[in-house]
Structures are given as structure tokens and as C-alpha cells.
């Protein structure tokens, strides 16, 4: 669902929905270290949210900044 079947990489189009990316990031934060799919999801969402954060304004920009500064664990 989140990964391309042929390449095994996360689909870039999921990064276009900021609220979904925040939810995906927060879900990945609940992982147990060593769960490779969740470790990959965590790295992917951090990278994408940091990139997206630079283009946002207002409350959504604040929300992205907040979740990156204060992850669940």
C-alpha cells in the first residue's frame, strides 16, 4: 500500500497529503526498534516532513514543526 511493489521504496505520492504524513510519522514512532519496515517508515516520514515544513505556513506548518520536535517516544 505505501511501498512500490517493483522497487520496494515508499511511494512519493503519499508525501503530498501532509496530514496523512503526520499520521504515518506518528504511527512509525510507536515501533519497536529493529522492525525494519517501521524503521524505514520513520526515516522516510522524517525526511519528507522536514522538506514539506519549509513550504508550509500557518497552523499546518506549526503542527509539522511540533511533531518533529516532540515525537511520541
PDB file of N, CA and C in Angstrom:
ATOM      1  N   UNK A   1       0.813  -1.181   0.000  1.00  0.00           N
ATOM      2  CA  UNK A   1       0.000   0.000   0.000  1.00  0.00           C
ATOM      3  C   UNK A   1       0.865   1.257   0.000  1.00  0.00           C
ATOM      4  N   UNK A   2       1.840   1.341   0.881  1.00  0.00           N
ATOM      5  CA  UNK A   2       2.710   2.508   0.954  1.00  0.00           C
ATOM      6  C   UNK A   2       3.959   2.361   0.101  1.00  0.00           C
ATOM      7  N   UNK A   3       4.290   1.105  -0.242  1.00  0.00           N
ATOM      8  CA  UNK A   3       5.507   0.855  -0.999  1.00  0.00           C
ATOM      9  C   UNK A   3       5.196   0.438  -2.423  1.00  0.00           C
ATOM     10  N   UNK A   4       6.088   0.801  -3.318  1.00  0.00           N
ATOM     11  CA  UNK A   4       6.007   0.389  -4.710  1.00  0.00           C
ATOM     12  C   UNK A   4       6.416  -1.078  -4.786  1.00  0.00           C
ATOM     13  N   UNK A   5       5.600  -1.892  -5.390  1.00  0.00           N
ATOM     14  CA  UNK A   5       5.865  -3.330  -5.458  1.00  0.00           C
ATOM     15  C   UNK A   5       7.136  -3.661  -6.226  1.00  0.00           C
ATOM     16  N   UNK A   6       7.424  -2.912  -7.271  1.00  0.00           N
ATOM     17  CA  UNK A   6       8.582  -3.239  -8.090  1.00  0.00           C
ATOM     18  C   UNK A   6       9.898  -2.775  -7.482  1.00  0.00           C
ATOM     19  N   UNK A   7       9.911  -1.594  -6.857  1.00  0.00           N
ATOM     20  CA  UNK A   7      11.171  -1.071  -6.305  1.00  0.00           C
ATOM     21  C   UNK A   7      11.334  -1.325  -4.814  1.00  0.00           C
ATOM     22  N   UNK A   8      10.225  -1.466  -4.105  1.00  0.00           N
ATOM     23  CA  UNK A   8      10.294  -1.643  -2.664  1.00  0.00           C
ATOM     24  C   UNK A   8      10.453  -0.338  -1.899  1.00  0.00           C
ATOM     25  N   UNK A   9      10.463   0.790  -2.625  1.00  0.00           N
ATOM     26  CA  UNK A   9      10.585   2.105  -1.999  1.00  0.00           C
ATOM     27  C   UNK A   9       9.205   2.648  -1.657  1.00  0.00           C
ATOM     28  N   UNK A  10       9.178   3.570  -0.708  1.00  0.00           N
ATOM     29  CA  UNK A  10       7.914   4.218  -0.390  1.00  0.00           C
ATOM     30  C   UNK A  10       7.481   5.069  -1.575  1.00  0.00           C
ATOM     31  N   UNK A  11       6.186   5.090  -1.815  1.00  0.00           N
ATOM     32  CA  UNK A  11       5.637   5.861  -2.925  1.00  0.00           C
ATOM     33  C   UNK A  11       5.740   7.351  -2.605  1.00  0.00           C
ATOM     34  N   UNK A  12       6.265   8.102  -3.542  1.00  0.00           N
ATOM     35  CA  UNK A  12       6.437   9.542  -3.352  1.00  0.00           C
ATOM     36  C   UNK A  12       5.113  10.283  -3.262  1.00  0.00           C
ATOM     37  N   UNK A  13       4.066   9.765  -3.903  1.00  0.00           N
ATOM     38  CA  UNK A  13       2.790  10.471  -3.910  1.00  0.00           C
ATOM     39  C   UNK A  13       2.117  10.514  -2.540  1.00  0.00           C
ATOM     40  N   UNK A  14       2.526   9.657  -1.611  1.00  0.00           N
ATOM     41  CA  UNK A  14       1.917   9.726  -0.277  1.00  0.00           C
ATOM     42  C   UNK A  14       2.387  10.963   0.478  1.00  0.00           C
ATOM     43  N   UNK A  15       3.481  11.559   0.033  1.00  0.00           N
ATOM     44  CA  UNK A  15       4.013  12.747   0.697  1.00  0.00           C
ATOM     45  C   UNK A  15       3.227  14.010   0.354  1.00  0.00           C
ATOM     46  N   UNK A  16       2.272  13.933  -0.551  1.00  0.00           N
ATOM     47  CA  UNK A  16       1.501  15.113  -0.929  1.00  0.00           C
ATOM     48  C   UNK A  16       0.389  15.442   0.064  1.00  0.00           C
ATOM     49  N   UNK A  17       0.001  14.494   0.878  1.00  0.00           N
ATOM     50  CA  UNK A  17      -1.039  14.709   1.889  1.00  0.00           C
ATOM     51  C   UNK A  17      -0.352  14.903   3.237  1.00  0.00           C
ATOM     52  N   UNK A  18      -0.225  16.154   3.658  1.00  0.00           N
ATOM     53  CA  UNK A  18       0.547  16.488   4.856  1.00  0.00           C
ATOM     54  C   UNK A  18      -0.049  15.855   6.107  1.00  0.00           C
ATOM     55  N   UNK A  19      -1.348  15.916   6.263  1.00  0.00           N
ATOM     56  CA  UNK A  19      -1.980  15.332   7.454  1.00  0.00           C
ATOM     57  C   UNK A  19      -1.771  13.824   7.500  1.00  0.00           C
ATOM     58  N   UNK A  20      -1.832  13.184   6.354  1.00  0.00           N
ATOM     59  CA  UNK A  20      -1.585  11.744   6.302  1.00  0.00           C
ATOM     60  C   UNK A  20      -0.125  11.443   6.646  1.00  0.00           C
ATOM     61  N   UNK A  21       0.789  12.293   6.191  1.00  0.00           N
ATOM     62  CA  UNK A  21       2.212  12.101   6.509  1.00  0.00           C
ATOM     63  C   UNK A  21       2.457  12.245   8.012  1.00  0.00           C
ATOM     64  N   UNK A  22       1.757  13.175   8.635  1.00  0.00           N
ATOM     65  CA  UNK A  22       1.885  13.342  10.083  1.00  0.00           C
ATOM     66  C   UNK A  22       1.389  12.078  10.788  1.00  0.00           C
ATOM     67  N   UNK A  23       0.260  11.561  10.356  1.00  0.00           N
ATOM     68  CA  UNK A  23      -0.280  10.334  10.951  1.00  0.00           C
ATOM     69  C   UNK A  23       0.658   9.152  10.726  1.00  0.00           C
ATOM     70  N   UNK A  24       1.205   9.058   9.538  1.00  0.00           N
ATOM     71  CA  UNK A  24       2.145   7.989   9.195  1.00  0.00           C
ATOM     72  C   UNK A  24       3.386   8.098  10.079  1.00  0.00           C
ATOM     73  N   UNK A  25       3.887   9.311  10.257  1.00  0.00           N
ATOM     74  CA  UNK A  25       5.047   9.555  11.118  1.00  0.00           C
ATOM     75  C   UNK A  25       4.749   9.153  12.561  1.00  0.00           C
ATOM     76  N   UNK A  26       3.607   9.593  13.071  1.00  0.00           N
ATOM     77  CA  UNK A  26       3.246   9.274  14.450  1.00  0.00           C
ATOM     78  C   UNK A  26       3.077   7.769  14.634  1.00  0.00           C
ATOM     79  N   UNK A  27       2.527   7.086  13.648  1.00  0.00           N
ATOM     80  CA  UNK A  27       2.390   5.625  13.713  1.00  0.00           C
ATOM     81  C   UNK A  27       3.760   4.956  13.746  1.00  0.00           C
ATOM     82  N   UNK A  28       4.661   5.448  12.926  1.00  0.00           N
ATOM     83  CA  UNK A  28       6.011   4.880  12.878  1.00  0.00           C
ATOM     84  C   UNK A  28       6.758   5.094  14.192  1.00  0.00           C
ATOM     85  N   UNK A  29       6.376   6.118  14.943  1.00  0.00           N
ATOM     86  CA  UNK A  29       7.019   6.384  16.230  1.00  0.00           C
ATOM     87  C   UNK A  29       6.693   5.305  17.264  1.00  0.00           C
ATOM     88  N   UNK A  30       5.632   4.572  17.061  1.00  0.00           N
ATOM     89  CA  UNK A  30       5.215   3.546  18.012  1.00  0.00           C
ATOM     90  C   UNK A  30       5.891   2.201  17.753  1.00  0.00           C
ATOM     91  N   UNK A  31       6.877   2.204  16.888  1.00  0.00           N
ATOM     92  CA  UNK A  31       7.568   0.972  16.511  1.00  0.00           C
ATOM     93  C   UNK A  31       8.462   0.457  17.629  1.00  0.00           C
ATOM     94  N   UNK A  32       8.810  -0.791  17.505  1.00  0.00           N
ATOM     95  CA  UNK A  32       9.840  -1.396  18.349  1.00  0.00           C
ATOM     96  C   UNK A  32      11.104  -1.369  17.506  1.00  0.00           C
ATOM     97  N   UNK A  33      12.188  -0.871  18.054  1.00  0.00           N
ATOM     98  CA  UNK A  33      13.443  -0.771  17.300  1.00  0.00           C
ATOM     99  C   UNK A  33      13.795  -2.123  16.689  1.00  0.00           C
ATOM    100  N   UNK A  34      14.226  -2.081  15.447  1.00  0.00           N
ATOM    101  CA  UNK A  34      14.588  -3.302  14.758  1.00  0.00           C
ATOM    102  C   UNK A  34      13.516  -3.811  13.818  1.00  0.00           C
ATOM    103  N   UNK A  35      12.332  -3.221  13.869  1.00  0.00           N
ATOM    104  CA  UNK A  35      11.282  -3.580  12.911  1.00  0.00           C
ATOM    105  C   UNK A  35      11.574  -2.802  11.638  1.00  0.00           C
ATOM    106  N   UNK A  36      12.203  -3.449  10.682  1.00  0.00           N
ATOM    107  CA  UNK A  36      12.766  -2.749   9.530  1.00  0.00           C
ATOM    108  C   UNK A  36      11.755  -1.917   8.752  1.00  0.00           C
ATOM    109  N   UNK A  37      10.554  -2.422   8.548  1.00  0.00           N
ATOM    110  CA  UNK A  37       9.558  -1.638   7.807  1.00  0.00           C
ATOM    111  C   UNK A  37       9.210  -0.353   8.541  1.00  0.00           C
ATOM    112  N   UNK A  38       9.070  -0.427   9.844  1.00  0.00           N
ATOM    113  CA  UNK A  38       8.737   0.769  10.618  1.00  0.00           C
ATOM    114  C   UNK A  38       9.939   1.696  10.754  1.00  0.00           C
ATOM    115  N   UNK A  39      11.146   1.136  10.842  1.00  0.00           N
ATOM    116  CA  UNK A  39      12.345   1.967  10.852  1.00  0.00           C
ATOM    117  C   UNK A  39      12.462   2.744   9.545  1.00  0.00           C
ATOM    118  N   UNK A  40      12.189   2.075   8.429  1.00  0.00           N
ATOM    119  CA  UNK A  40      12.213   2.733   7.115  1.00  0.00           C
ATOM    120  C   UNK A  40      11.123   3.799   7.028  1.00  0.00           C
ATOM    121  N   UNK A  41       9.942   3.487   7.531  1.00  0.00           N
ATOM    122  CA  UNK A  41       8.836   4.447   7.510  1.00  0.00           C
ATOM    123  C   UNK A  41       9.185   5.678   8.338  1.00  0.00           C
ATOM    124  N   UNK A  42       9.825   5.468   9.466  1.00  0.00           N
ATOM    125  CA  UNK A  42      10.223   6.581  10.319  1.00  0.00           C
ATOM    126  C   UNK A  42      11.211   7.488   9.590  1.00  0.00           C
ATOM    127  N   UNK A  43      12.240   6.909   8.992  1.00  0.00           N
ATOM    128  CA  UNK A  43      13.234   7.695   8.263  1.00  0.00           C
ATOM    129  C   UNK A  43      12.599   8.430   7.077  1.00  0.00           C
ATOM    130  N   UNK A  44      11.736   7.752   6.346  1.00  0.00           N
ATOM    131  CA  UNK A  44      11.062   8.343   5.186  1.00  0.00           C
ATOM    132  C   UNK A  44      10.208   9.537   5.606  1.00  0.00           C
ATOM    133  N   UNK A  45       9.406   9.368   6.640  1.00  0.00           N
ATOM    134  CA  UNK A  45       8.490  10.442   7.037  1.00  0.00           C
ATOM    135  C   UNK A  45       9.245  11.628   7.625  1.00  0.00           C
ATOM    136  N   UNK A  46      10.309  11.380   8.369  1.00  0.00           N
ATOM    137  CA  UNK A  46      11.103  12.491   8.907  1.00  0.00           C
ATOM    138  C   UNK A  46      11.655  13.329   7.759  1.00  0.00           C
ATOM    139  N   UNK A  47      12.248  12.665   6.792  1.00  0.00           N
ATOM    140  CA  UNK A  47      12.823  13.371   5.637  1.00  0.00           C
ATOM    141  C   UNK A  47      11.768  14.177   4.898  1.00  0.00           C
ATOM    142  N   UNK A  48      10.639  13.560   4.623  1.00  0.00           N
ATOM    143  CA  UNK A  48       9.582  14.239   3.870  1.00  0.00           C
ATOM    144  C   UNK A  48       8.968  15.386   4.663  1.00  0.00           C
ATOM    145  N   UNK A  49       8.727  15.179   5.952  1.00  0.00           N
ATOM    146  CA  UNK A  49       8.127  16.249   6.759  1.00  0.00           C
ATOM    147  C   UNK A  49       9.070  17.436   6.900  1.00  0.00           C
ATOM    148  N   UNK A  50      10.356  17.188   7.021  1.00  0.00           N
ATOM    149  CA  UNK A  50      11.319  18.296   7.094  1.00  0.00           C
ATOM    150  C   UNK A  50      11.326  19.095   5.795  1.00  0.00           C
ATOM    151  N   UNK A  51      11.197  18.406   4.679  1.00  0.00           N
ATOM    152  CA  UNK A  51      11.148  19.081   3.387  1.00  0.00           C
ATOM    153  C   UNK A  51       9.846  19.860   3.230  1.00  0.00           C
ATOM    154  N   UNK A  52       8.734  19.231   3.584  1.00  0.00           N
ATOM    155  CA  UNK A  52       7.419  19.855   3.473  1.00  0.00           C
ATOM    156  C   UNK A  52       7.302  21.069   4.399  1.00  0.00           C
ATOM    157  N   UNK A  53       7.881  20.963   5.576  1.00  0.00           N
ATOM    158  CA  UNK A  53       7.775  22.028   6.580  1.00  0.00           C
ATOM    159  C   UNK A  53       8.227  23.375   6.017  1.00  0.00           C
ATOM    160  N   UNK A  54       9.230  23.364   5.176  1.00  0.00           N
ATOM    161  CA  UNK A  54       9.784  24.600   4.610  1.00  0.00           C
ATOM    162  C   UNK A  54       8.820  25.288   3.648  1.00  0.00           C
ATOM    163  N   UNK A  55       7.835  24.556   3.160  1.00  0.00           N
ATOM    164  CA  UNK A  55       6.909  25.112   2.167  1.00  0.00           C
ATOM    165  C   UNK A  55       5.560  25.501   2.768  1.00  0.00           C
ATOM    166  N   UNK A  56       5.338  25.187   4.039  1.00  0.00           N
ATOM    167  CA  UNK A  56       4.029  25.418   4.665  1.00  0.00           C
ATOM    168  C   UNK A  56       3.988  26.719   5.447  1.00  0.00           C
ATOM    169  N   UNK A  57       2.772  27.173   5.702  1.00  0.00           N
ATOM    170  CA  UNK A  57       2.543  28.342   6.541  1.00  0.00           C
ATOM    171  C   UNK A  57       1.395  28.040   7.497  1.00  0.00           C
ATOM    172  N   UNK A  58       1.275  28.849   8.522  1.00  0.00           N
ATOM    173  CA  UNK A  58       0.136  28.768   9.425  1.00  0.00           C
ATOM    174  C   UNK A  58       0.138  27.565  10.351  1.00  0.00           C
ATOM    175  N   UNK A  59      -1.078  27.139  10.702  1.00  0.00           N
ATOM    176  CA  UNK A  59      -1.253  26.077  11.693  1.00  0.00           C
ATOM    177  C   UNK A  59      -0.670  24.745  11.246  1.00  0.00           C
ATOM    178  N   UNK A  60      -0.766  24.445   9.964  1.00  0.00           N
ATOM    179  CA  UNK A  60      -0.226  23.178   9.479  1.00  0.00           C
ATOM    180  C   UNK A  60       1.295  23.165   9.603  1.00  0.00           C
ATOM    181  N   UNK A  61       1.940  24.280   9.319  1.00  0.00           N
ATOM    182  CA  UNK A  61       3.391  24.388   9.481  1.00  0.00           C
ATOM    183  C   UNK A  61       3.772  24.210  10.950  1.00  0.00           C
ATOM    184  N   UNK A  62       2.990  24.799  11.839  1.00  0.00           N
ATOM    185  CA  UNK A  62       3.241  24.667  13.277  1.00  0.00           C
ATOM    186  C   UNK A  62       3.073  23.223  13.727  1.00  0.00           C
ATOM    187  N   UNK A  63       2.063  22.542  13.194  1.00  0.00           N
ATOM    188  CA  UNK A  63       1.818  21.147  13.549  1.00  0.00           C
ATOM    189  C   UNK A  63       2.983  20.265  13.118  1.00  0.00           C
ATOM    190  N   UNK A  64       3.470  20.464  11.898  1.00  0.00           N
ATOM    191  CA  UNK A  64       4.600  19.675  11.407  1.00  0.00           C
ATOM    192  C   UNK A  64       5.830  19.934  12.276  1.00  0.00           C
ATOM    193  N   UNK A  65       6.091  21.187  12.561  1.00  0.00           N
ATOM    194  CA  UNK A  65       7.241  21.543  13.401  1.00  0.00           C
ATOM    195  C   UNK A  65       7.120  20.888  14.774  1.00  0.00           C
ATOM    196  N   UNK A  66       5.935  20.920  15.337  1.00  0.00           N
ATOM    197  CA  UNK A  66       5.705  20.357  16.661  1.00  0.00           C
ATOM    198  C   UNK A  66       5.944  18.832  16.688  1.00  0.00           C
ATOM    199  N   UNK A  67       5.401  18.110  15.716  1.00  0.00           N
ATOM    200  CA  UNK A  67       5.558  16.653  15.734  1.00  0.00           C
ATOM    201  C   UNK A  67       7.009  16.252  15.501  1.00  0.00           C
ATOM    202  N   UNK A  68       7.738  17.047  14.742  1.00  0.00           N
ATOM    203  CA  UNK A  68       9.159  16.745  14.523  1.00  0.00           C
ATOM    204  C   UNK A  68      10.000  17.035  15.763  1.00  0.00           C
ATOM    205  N   UNK A  69       9.618  18.073  16.504  1.00  0.00           N
ATOM    206  CA  UNK A  69      10.369  18.430  17.711  1.00  0.00           C
ATOM    207  C   UNK A  69      10.051  17.529  18.884  1.00  0.00           C
ATOM    208  N   UNK A  70       8.813  17.036  18.947  1.00  0.00           N
ATOM    209  CA  UNK A  70       8.369  16.239  20.089  1.00  0.00           C
ATOM    210  C   UNK A  70       7.723  14.951  19.643  1.00  0.00           C
ATOM    211  N   UNK A  71       8.538  14.007  19.198  1.00  0.00           N
ATOM    212  CA  UNK A  71       7.956  12.706  18.798  1.00  0.00           C
ATOM    213  C   UNK A  71       7.390  11.974  20.016  1.00  0.00           C
ATOM    214  N   UNK A  72       6.563  10.972  19.748  1.00  0.00           N
ATOM    215  CA  UNK A  72       5.907  10.233  20.824  1.00  0.00           C
ATOM    216  C   UNK A  72       6.884   9.618  21.809  1.00  0.00           C
ATOM    217  N   UNK A  73       7.994   9.078  21.320  1.00  0.00           N
ATOM    218  CA  UNK A  73       8.906   8.406  22.261  1.00  0.00           C
ATOM    219  C   UNK A  73      10.270   9.033  22.269  1.00  0.00           C
TER     220      UNK A  73
END
